Protein backbone atom coordinates (compact mmCIF):
# COMPACT_ATOMS: atom_id res chain seq x y z
CA MET A 1 1.81 14.54 -34.51
CA PHE A 2 0.55 13.27 -38.40
CA ARG A 3 -0.95 9.06 -38.26
CA THR A 4 -1.52 7.48 -40.85
CA ASP A 5 -3.26 3.59 -41.70
CA ARG A 6 -1.33 3.05 -44.62
CA LYS A 7 2.13 1.79 -45.79
CA ALA A 8 4.89 4.70 -46.28
CA THR A 9 6.83 3.56 -49.13
CA ASP A 10 9.37 6.25 -48.51
CA LEU A 11 10.15 10.00 -47.08
CA ASP A 12 12.92 12.60 -46.97
CA LEU A 13 13.17 16.18 -45.27
CA ASP A 14 12.94 19.33 -47.84
CA THR A 15 14.53 22.29 -44.34
CA ASP A 16 11.30 22.64 -42.59
CA VAL A 17 8.93 20.10 -44.57
CA VAL A 18 8.30 15.66 -44.73
CA HIS A 19 7.80 14.61 -48.00
CA VAL A 20 5.99 10.85 -47.74
CA THR A 21 4.88 8.45 -50.82
CA TYR A 22 2.28 5.97 -49.62
CA ASP A 23 1.53 2.58 -51.34
CA ASP A 24 -1.66 3.41 -52.97
CA GLY A 25 -0.13 6.62 -54.93
CA GLU A 26 -0.78 9.63 -52.56
CA ILE A 27 2.17 11.92 -51.53
CA VAL A 28 1.91 13.99 -48.47
CA ALA A 29 3.66 16.92 -47.39
CA LEU A 30 4.00 17.63 -43.32
CA ASP A 31 4.89 20.61 -41.32
CA ALA A 32 8.65 18.97 -39.90
CA ARG A 33 7.48 20.66 -36.42
CA ASP A 34 4.21 20.16 -36.26
CA GLY A 35 3.31 17.18 -38.61
CA ARG A 36 0.42 19.42 -40.02
CA VAL A 37 -0.80 18.56 -43.50
CA LEU A 38 0.65 21.08 -46.25
CA ARG A 39 -0.38 19.55 -48.99
CA ARG A 40 -1.69 15.95 -50.75
CA ARG A 41 -2.48 14.60 -53.60
CA HIS A 42 -2.47 11.28 -56.20
CA LEU A 43 0.85 11.32 -57.83
CA THR A 44 -0.03 10.97 -61.62
CA VAL A 45 2.30 11.44 -65.70
CA ALA A 46 -0.43 11.46 -68.45
CA GLY A 47 -3.49 11.44 -66.21
CA VAL A 48 -2.40 8.20 -65.29
CA PRO A 49 -1.71 6.98 -62.46
CA VAL A 50 1.45 6.46 -60.68
CA VAL A 51 3.98 4.76 -57.10
CA ALA A 52 6.36 6.35 -55.59
CA SER A 53 8.67 3.89 -54.25
CA ALA A 54 11.81 6.23 -54.03
CA LEU A 55 11.38 9.79 -52.41
CA THR A 56 14.72 12.09 -52.27
CA VAL A 57 14.56 15.63 -52.01
CA ALA A 58 17.24 17.29 -54.36
CA GLY A 59 17.09 20.30 -53.54
CA PRO A 60 14.63 23.63 -52.38
CA GLY A 61 11.46 23.05 -53.47
CA ARG A 62 12.57 19.46 -55.67
CA LEU A 63 12.09 15.99 -55.70
CA LEU A 64 12.81 13.21 -57.77
CA LEU A 65 10.67 10.00 -57.52
CA GLY A 66 11.19 6.73 -58.96
CA THR A 67 8.03 4.77 -59.22
CA THR A 68 7.11 0.99 -59.32
CA ASP A 69 6.66 0.80 -63.45
CA GLY A 70 10.74 2.64 -63.70
CA ARG A 71 10.55 5.84 -63.97
CA LEU A 72 12.24 9.01 -62.21
CA LEU A 73 10.11 11.93 -61.96
CA VAL A 74 10.99 14.69 -61.44
CA CYS A 75 9.14 17.22 -59.85
CA SER A 76 8.66 20.92 -58.36
CA THR A 77 6.57 20.97 -55.18
CA ALA A 78 5.81 25.14 -55.73
CA ASP A 79 2.31 26.30 -56.11
CA PRO A 80 1.42 25.34 -59.09
CA ALA A 81 -0.04 28.69 -59.53
CA GLN A 82 3.65 30.27 -59.58
CA ARG A 83 5.35 27.56 -61.52
CA PRO A 84 6.02 26.14 -64.57
CA PRO A 85 5.80 22.26 -65.17
CA VAL A 86 9.01 20.13 -64.88
CA GLN A 87 9.62 17.72 -67.68
CA THR A 88 9.57 14.66 -66.82
CA GLY A 89 10.72 11.27 -69.39
CA ASP A 90 6.95 11.46 -71.25
CA ARG A 91 7.30 14.97 -71.79
CA GLU A 92 4.60 15.22 -69.91
CA PRO A 93 4.90 17.63 -66.55
CA GLY A 94 5.31 16.64 -63.96
CA ARG A 95 3.53 18.17 -60.81
CA LEU A 96 2.87 17.44 -56.96
C-alpha cells in the first residue's frame, strides 16, 4: 500500500506499474501488486520544473503527459542508462 498526503493530478496503469502525477511536479511509479515505489522524480523540461495535469500510458514504457503550462510531453519509463532520450516539442529530452 502506498500512502500520500499530496494531491494527485492523474494516474494510469502500465501492465503492472501504476504511474501517479502530483500537483508539485513529482511523478511516481508504483508496483501495482504491493504499492512499492519503483522510481520517483520531479518533472523538468530544459531544466525548468513542470507540473503534469494529465497522464496517459501510450504503450509499454511510454507515457504522454500534459502539463499545466500547455505542453505535451512524450516520455520513456526505461532506465535512463539504457535508453535514448525522447524528443519533446522543445527539442529537449523528456526523461522520467
